[in-house]
Every structure is written in structure tokens, then in C-alpha cells.
């Protein structure tokens, strides 16, 4: 395998040691699928990414994403964090737009004003909407009661490349108290495309933000994710589709990770026009460490 250079990045973080941790490896083309999976398990972050080539193909860089348990076609914080490493370490700041060739397709990431400390924005593929669940079905899985789920909105599967069940709650107290019952959770997702649950409520922890989110991803080997760009992209499409604030566009600040000591901030922009929903998710990325695998 030889030596592999890797970086640790905190994504959707406003400061070091917050947000969602990501390991990014260069030289992934020299690794087998099994080796990449074993390295992802060794790192044991929500995801680990591998840059397969530092020469663009069709304008983009080939990248693969692994959880500790399996490869996924798309994930949000790995996309932003890998684009950050490509820009700062491979291209040395020479580009403010990076294209990533992922299994879900080509995803563009753009850096807003500010060298190194600006916000990265990724445009996700158009959301699709799938099966719905009743509050009576999902509440026991989350250790909640059905009346804690907002009856005005659907519990619905949404995907912008990786599907999630979106569950609207009424209060921050319910969001804080939620906890998955694993046997019931795995019984549900045994027969669904979505393997993860995102819950949200309209009460933030900090007054300058808009909503609070938690994401449960036991299926992928991580009980709770501190910041989930893919899931929040799904949420952005959901909020627009259901006119959560009564309008066909949103520009909001989302909190996640507070309950597990990794406060994160995600920026969501979405709009619906002529029956099509456009979704972008933004946040900061901070390089924390670099090293070598021997």
C-alpha cells in the first residue's frame, strides 16, 4: 500500500474541534475497495474520503466516500471537506470552484468570498420524494410519543443522492430527548431505501439561527452524526416543498451536533420554480491535522 498522506478536516465548523470530522486521503487510486473500507473503519469517522486522481477528468476530481461500514454514493460534509483539501493542498488556492466526480454524479463546490475562511457551497441534485410514515410508526423508534411530531407536515423520505426520513417535531425539548430504539429502527429500515432519520424543530439553541436538527445513522456504524450535509439538503427540499415558512424559497441557518458536543452550523438555500427544486448547502471547513498512513 505504501505511505498515504491524509488530512483531518472539521466541516460545518465555526471554530476548531467542532462540526463534523472528516479524514481525506490522497493517493486513493493505489488502494483496493477492501483497503479503503478497512481504512475508513480504522478512522471511524462518519465518513472518510479517497481522492483517486489529482488530474481532473471531465473537469472534476474522482472521489469515493466510505462510512465505517460501507461505501456511499454521496454525503455532504465529505463533499465540502474534500473540496477544501483539493483547493488548499492540491491546487494551492488556485481555484474557487471545484468539481467532484462522485458515484451520484458530478457535484460542484464553490468558495464564497474570503481566502481559506470563506463558506463552501455545494449544489446538490434535485430532491426526490418517496414513501411516508405515520407518527405512530416513527415515534416509538425515536423514544417519543406521536403528539410530539408536528401533525401539519408529513414524515417523508427525501433524497438528494442519499435518502433520509425527515421527521418534523414541535419543540426543542422533544428533539433533545429523542433517542433511537435500535431494534425498532433496524426493523423499519430493513424494507426501506432510506437508512437514516433526520429530525428537526423550529427552535434553535442560539437566537441568531433558525432551526435545530439531529441525524441518526446507526445503519452506517455511527449512532448520531454531528453535521449532515446530505440530510440537510434533503431537509431544504422538504421545507420548500411543504412551504414550511409559507414561501417557495428559503435561506436559513441550521444547528446540529449540540447534543453530542460537536456544535455545527449549516447554511441552506433552496427554491422551487416551475415544479423543480434547487438545493444548495453551505458551511466552513477547517484543516485540523495532516499525517501519513504507513
Foldseek 3Di string as FASTA:
>chain_A
DDKKKKFWKAWLDPDPPFHFIEIEIECCLVDDQVVLLCVLLVVQGQKYKYFNDLDDDVQATEMWIAHNAGTAQDWARVVVQNVLCSCCPRVNVPDQWHWYQTNLGIKIWGFDDDPQWTKIKIWFAFKDWDDWDQLCLCQVQFVHHSVQFDPLATQTWMFSRAIEGETEGADPVSVLSTAGPVVSLCVVCVPPRHNKYKYKYQDDPDPVFGIEIWMARVVSPDGTGQDTRRVVQRVLNRCQVSVVVPAFWDWGWYWGNVSPPRTGIKTWIWGDDPRTIIIMIMRTMDTDDMDMDD
